[in-house]
Amino acid sequence: MRKLAPFSLITLFLFISCSKNIKTELTVEQKTAIVAEVEKVHDDLIANLSKLDIDIWTEPWSKNEFVAATSGVNYFRTLNEFRDSVKYWFSLRERQKIEIVERNIKVLAPDLVLLTCILNWDILFKNGEQAYSSNSPVTSVWKKESEGWKSICLHESWKGN
């Protein structure tokens, strides 16, 4: 849990810096619409993750505001750093299938959403080794940019086989 402390501070900073100071109460209908929009983008992200195509997969990530931490040890300050790491791991995989086990979306502001989920990963390396088959928790922050909803912050926890 100590490994999560720095990431928690970064996430809190992002919430504060990305939220508008103007208090706007959203209606239930507005929140429902925002949740549906983010669900659609997230569903597409997960479907594209299974394709092992880095170009398609990075579309919903923010190009300007981005930070990621994975497994409690890997930290990426830019999308390009994260993309290079993911591209390397994609190159080692024969296939992967990712399914959403559980997902929660909380609207923080009209342009900011917190998404938590558990993903089931089934990965097979090119050498035939079953690399990973397990559930992993994911936390991400989504911001409404001019091009639509983009993920600006990601944390994934991977546990061993």
Protein backbone atom coordinates (compact mmCIF):
# COMPACT_ATOMS: atom_id res chain seq x y z
CA MET A 1 0.00 0.00 0.00
CA ARG A 2 2.96 2.33 0.56
CA LYS A 3 3.64 2.20 -3.16
CA LEU A 4 0.21 3.69 -3.82
CA ALA A 5 0.79 6.77 -1.63
CA PRO A 6 2.72 8.82 -4.24
CA PHE A 7 0.19 7.89 -6.90
CA SER A 8 -2.69 8.87 -4.61
CA LEU A 9 -1.14 12.30 -4.16
CA ILE A 10 -0.72 12.67 -7.92
CA THR A 11 -4.34 11.62 -8.47
CA LEU A 12 -5.56 14.11 -5.86
CA PHE A 13 -3.51 16.85 -7.50
CA LEU A 14 -5.05 16.00 -10.89
CA PHE A 15 -8.56 16.13 -9.43
CA ILE A 16 -7.92 19.54 -7.97
CA SER A 17 -6.12 20.99 -10.99
CA CYS A 18 -8.58 19.65 -13.54
CA SER A 19 -11.80 20.54 -11.75
CA LYS A 20 -13.33 23.92 -12.24
CA ASN A 21 -13.72 26.04 -9.12
CA ILE A 22 -17.27 26.90 -10.14
CA LYS A 23 -19.72 24.64 -8.35
CA THR A 24 -22.25 23.30 -10.81
CA GLU A 25 -24.75 20.74 -9.62
CA LEU A 26 -25.47 18.31 -12.38
CA THR A 27 -28.89 16.77 -12.77
CA VAL A 28 -29.34 13.01 -12.63
CA GLU A 29 -30.00 13.07 -16.39
CA GLN A 30 -26.74 14.96 -17.05
CA LYS A 31 -24.75 12.54 -14.89
CA THR A 32 -26.39 9.57 -16.60
CA ALA A 33 -25.49 10.98 -20.02
CA ILE A 34 -21.87 11.57 -18.98
CA VAL A 35 -21.60 8.05 -17.55
CA ALA A 36 -22.97 6.61 -20.82
CA GLU A 37 -20.44 8.61 -22.88
CA VAL A 38 -17.50 7.45 -20.76
CA GLU A 39 -18.75 3.85 -20.72
CA LYS A 40 -18.81 3.84 -24.53
CA VAL A 41 -15.25 5.18 -24.81
CA HIS A 42 -14.05 2.74 -22.14
CA ASP A 43 -15.81 -0.21 -23.84
CA ASP A 44 -14.05 0.70 -27.10
CA LEU A 45 -10.71 1.03 -25.28
CA ILE A 46 -11.05 -2.48 -23.80
CA ALA A 47 -12.16 -3.98 -27.13
CA ASN A 48 -9.20 -2.35 -28.87
CA LEU A 49 -6.81 -3.54 -26.16
CA SER A 50 -7.57 -7.12 -27.18
CA LYS A 51 -6.51 -6.33 -30.77
CA LEU A 52 -2.88 -5.63 -29.76
CA ASP A 53 -2.86 -2.55 -32.04
CA ILE A 54 -1.07 0.29 -30.26
CA ASP A 55 -2.34 2.99 -32.64
CA ILE A 56 -6.01 2.14 -32.14
CA TRP A 57 -5.53 1.55 -28.42
CA THR A 58 -3.94 4.95 -27.66
CA GLU A 59 -6.74 6.98 -29.27
CA PRO A 60 -8.69 7.62 -26.02
CA TRP A 61 -5.61 8.77 -24.09
CA SER A 62 -4.95 12.47 -23.59
CA LYS A 63 -2.02 13.74 -25.63
CA ASN A 64 -1.55 16.83 -23.42
CA GLU A 65 -2.29 15.70 -19.86
CA PHE A 66 -1.25 12.20 -18.97
CA VAL A 67 0.30 10.20 -16.14
CA ALA A 68 0.27 6.44 -15.54
CA ALA A 69 1.50 4.01 -12.93
CA THR A 70 1.38 0.26 -13.31
CA SER A 71 2.12 -2.58 -10.93
CA GLY A 72 3.21 -0.11 -8.28
CA VAL A 73 6.67 0.13 -9.86
CA ASN A 74 6.30 1.64 -13.34
CA TYR A 75 5.58 5.34 -13.67
CA PHE A 76 5.06 7.18 -16.96
CA ARG A 77 4.89 10.97 -17.17
CA THR A 78 3.96 11.15 -20.82
CA LEU A 79 1.75 9.21 -23.18
CA ASN A 80 4.76 8.46 -25.40
CA GLU A 81 6.64 6.81 -22.51
CA PHE A 82 3.58 4.72 -21.67
CA ARG A 83 2.93 3.91 -25.32
CA ASP A 84 6.51 2.66 -25.83
CA SER A 85 6.22 0.35 -22.82
CA VAL A 86 2.84 -1.04 -23.90
CA LYS A 87 4.06 -1.44 -27.50
CA TYR A 88 6.98 -3.57 -26.25
CA TRP A 89 4.65 -5.82 -24.22
CA PHE A 90 2.21 -6.08 -27.13
CA SER A 91 5.09 -7.28 -29.35
CA LEU A 92 5.66 -10.29 -27.05
CA ARG A 93 2.04 -11.44 -27.05
CA GLU A 94 0.35 -13.87 -29.38
CA ARG A 95 -3.07 -12.84 -28.16
CA GLN A 96 -4.88 -11.31 -25.24
CA LYS A 97 -8.49 -11.11 -24.22
CA ILE A 98 -9.62 -8.52 -21.73
CA GLU A 99 -13.09 -8.38 -20.23
CA ILE A 100 -14.65 -5.93 -17.80
CA VAL A 101 -15.68 -7.80 -14.64
CA GLU A 102 -16.90 -4.78 -12.72
CA ARG A 103 -16.95 -1.04 -13.43
CA ASN A 104 -17.90 2.05 -11.44
CA ILE A 105 -18.02 5.57 -12.82
CA LYS A 106 -18.34 8.66 -10.66
CA VAL A 107 -18.95 12.05 -12.24
CA LEU A 108 -16.78 14.58 -10.39
CA ALA A 109 -17.54 17.60 -12.60
CA PRO A 110 -19.12 18.19 -16.02
CA ASP A 111 -15.72 17.55 -17.59
CA LEU A 112 -14.11 15.12 -15.10
CA VAL A 113 -14.88 11.48 -14.26
CA LEU A 114 -13.35 8.85 -12.00
CA LEU A 115 -13.55 5.30 -13.37
CA THR A 116 -12.64 2.22 -11.37
CA CYS A 117 -12.92 -1.28 -12.71
CA ILE A 118 -11.71 -4.83 -12.45
CA LEU A 119 -10.47 -6.31 -15.70
CA ASN A 120 -10.00 -10.00 -16.40
CA TRP A 121 -6.83 -10.53 -18.43
CA ASP A 122 -6.10 -13.68 -20.41
CA ILE A 123 -2.71 -13.28 -22.11
CA LEU A 124 -0.71 -15.77 -24.19
CA PHE A 125 2.90 -15.00 -25.14
CA LYS A 126 4.24 -15.80 -28.61
CA ASN A 127 6.43 -18.51 -27.08
CA GLY A 128 3.27 -20.30 -25.94
CA GLU A 129 3.63 -19.40 -22.29
CA GLN A 130 0.40 -18.49 -20.51
CA ALA A 131 1.65 -15.20 -19.14
CA TYR A 132 -1.28 -14.04 -17.12
CA SER A 133 -4.82 -15.00 -16.38
CA SER A 134 -6.27 -12.99 -13.54
CA ASN A 135 -8.37 -10.06 -12.44
CA SER A 136 -6.66 -6.68 -12.04
CA PRO A 137 -8.03 -3.47 -10.51
CA VAL A 138 -7.73 -0.29 -12.56
CA THR A 139 -8.35 3.33 -11.63
CA SER A 140 -8.47 6.09 -14.23
CA VAL A 141 -9.42 9.74 -14.46
CA TRP A 142 -11.18 10.93 -17.62
CA LYS A 143 -11.41 14.52 -18.82
CA LYS A 144 -13.68 15.92 -21.50
CA GLU A 145 -11.37 17.51 -24.08
CA SER A 146 -12.30 19.17 -27.36
CA GLU A 147 -12.00 15.75 -29.12
CA GLY A 148 -14.15 14.00 -26.52
CA TRP A 149 -13.48 12.01 -23.34
CA LYS A 150 -9.78 11.23 -22.83
CA SER A 151 -8.04 9.37 -20.02
CA ILE A 152 -5.53 11.63 -18.27
CA CYS A 153 -4.50 9.39 -15.38
CA LEU A 154 -4.23 5.61 -15.06
CA HIS A 155 -3.22 3.19 -12.34
CA GLU A 156 -3.21 -0.56 -12.86
CA SER A 157 -2.40 -3.19 -10.25
CA TRP A 158 -1.04 -6.45 -11.57
CA LYS A 159 -0.54 -9.41 -9.31
CA GLY A 160 1.55 -12.48 -9.99
CA ASN A 161 0.17 -15.73 -11.34
